[in-house]
Amino acid sequence: MIFVAMLFAGCTSQSGIPEGYRYVIGVSLANDTEPWVNYMADELSKEINSYSSDINLIFKEAMGNPDKQIKDIETLMESGIDLLVV
C-alpha cells in the first residue's frame, strides 16, 4: 500500500510543504490495488531518491473514488507543489 505522504522530514512551512526541500512533487493515484501502480510508485520514489535528496514526493491515493481524487488534486495544488503527476 502506498502511504499518503513519503519522505516527510523536518518541519513544515505555512504552505504545508516540508521545509528543507527545493522541489515538491505531488502524485495523485486513482487507486493502489493494481500491482503496476505500486511498482510505478516504488520506481518513481527510487528514481527521485537516487537523483536528489532535496525533492519530496507526496502521494495521494483516491481508493477508486473520482470525487476523492479531485479533492486530493486540489489539496496538492493548494499546498504549493512544484509538479503534479496524475
Protein backbone atom coordinates (compact mmCIF):
# COMPACT_ATOMS: atom_id res chain seq x y z
CA MET A 1 0.00 0.00 0.00
CA ILE A 2 1.21 3.50 -0.77
CA PHE A 3 1.33 5.94 2.06
CA VAL A 4 -0.32 9.32 1.69
CA ALA A 5 2.98 11.09 2.18
CA MET A 6 6.53 9.92 1.72
CA LEU A 7 9.80 11.48 2.73
CA PHE A 8 8.34 13.97 5.18
CA ALA A 9 11.25 15.05 7.32
CA GLY A 10 11.70 18.18 9.32
CA CYS A 11 9.21 20.94 9.95
CA THR A 12 6.51 22.07 7.60
CA SER A 13 6.14 25.59 6.32
CA GLN A 14 2.92 27.59 6.39
CA SER A 15 2.03 26.16 2.98
CA GLY A 16 2.11 22.63 4.40
CA ILE A 17 5.21 21.73 2.39
CA PRO A 18 8.09 20.31 4.46
CA GLU A 19 10.98 22.72 4.85
CA GLY A 20 14.37 21.74 3.51
CA TYR A 21 13.18 20.59 0.11
CA ARG A 22 13.86 22.51 -3.07
CA TYR A 23 11.07 20.86 -5.03
CA VAL A 24 7.88 19.05 -4.09
CA ILE A 25 6.14 16.64 -6.45
CA GLY A 26 2.53 15.67 -5.82
CA VAL A 27 1.38 12.33 -7.19
CA SER A 28 -2.34 11.57 -7.42
CA LEU A 29 -3.21 7.90 -7.84
CA ALA A 30 -6.71 6.68 -8.63
CA ASN A 31 -6.07 3.51 -6.61
CA ASP A 32 -3.22 1.34 -5.47
CA THR A 33 -4.86 -2.05 -5.91
CA GLU A 34 -3.16 -2.79 -9.22
CA PRO A 35 0.37 -4.21 -8.90
CA TRP A 36 1.66 -1.99 -11.71
CA VAL A 37 0.57 1.16 -9.82
CA ASN A 38 2.58 0.12 -6.76
CA TYR A 39 5.53 -0.78 -8.98
CA MET A 40 5.35 2.61 -10.72
CA ALA A 41 5.20 4.45 -7.38
CA ASP A 42 8.14 2.47 -6.00
CA GLU A 43 10.21 3.10 -9.11
CA LEU A 44 9.34 6.80 -9.08
CA SER A 45 10.44 7.01 -5.44
CA LYS A 46 13.70 5.16 -6.14
CA GLU A 47 14.49 7.34 -9.13
CA ILE A 48 13.79 10.59 -7.30
CA ASN A 49 15.82 9.47 -4.26
CA SER A 50 18.77 8.49 -6.45
CA TYR A 51 18.64 11.81 -8.29
CA SER A 52 18.38 14.27 -5.43
CA SER A 53 17.77 14.48 -1.70
CA ASP A 54 16.04 17.86 -1.96
CA ILE A 55 12.95 16.59 -3.79
CA ASN A 56 9.93 15.48 -1.78
CA LEU A 57 7.25 13.17 -3.15
CA ILE A 58 3.73 13.38 -1.77
CA PHE A 59 1.43 10.52 -2.76
CA LYS A 60 -2.36 10.74 -2.56
CA GLU A 61 -4.46 7.64 -3.27
CA ALA A 62 -8.17 8.04 -4.06
CA MET A 63 -9.25 4.42 -3.46
CA GLY A 64 -11.08 4.34 -6.79
CA ASN A 65 -13.23 7.36 -5.91
CA PRO A 66 -13.14 10.10 -8.61
CA ASP A 67 -14.52 12.74 -6.22
CA LYS A 68 -11.79 11.98 -3.70
CA GLN A 69 -9.14 12.16 -6.43
CA ILE A 70 -10.39 15.62 -7.43
CA LYS A 71 -10.17 16.74 -3.80
CA ASP A 72 -6.70 15.18 -3.49
CA ILE A 73 -5.52 17.08 -6.57
CA GLU A 74 -6.97 20.34 -5.25
CA THR A 75 -5.26 19.76 -1.89
CA LEU A 76 -1.93 19.08 -3.56
CA MET A 77 -2.22 22.19 -5.72
CA GLU A 78 -3.20 24.36 -2.76
CA SER A 79 -0.21 23.10 -0.77
CA GLY A 80 2.22 24.68 -3.24
CA ILE A 81 3.66 21.69 -5.08
CA ASP A 82 6.04 22.30 -7.97
CA LEU A 83 4.84 19.43 -10.15
CA LEU A 84 1.65 17.36 -10.26
CA VAL A 85 1.61 13.81 -11.62
CA VAL A 86 -1.83 12.28 -12.26
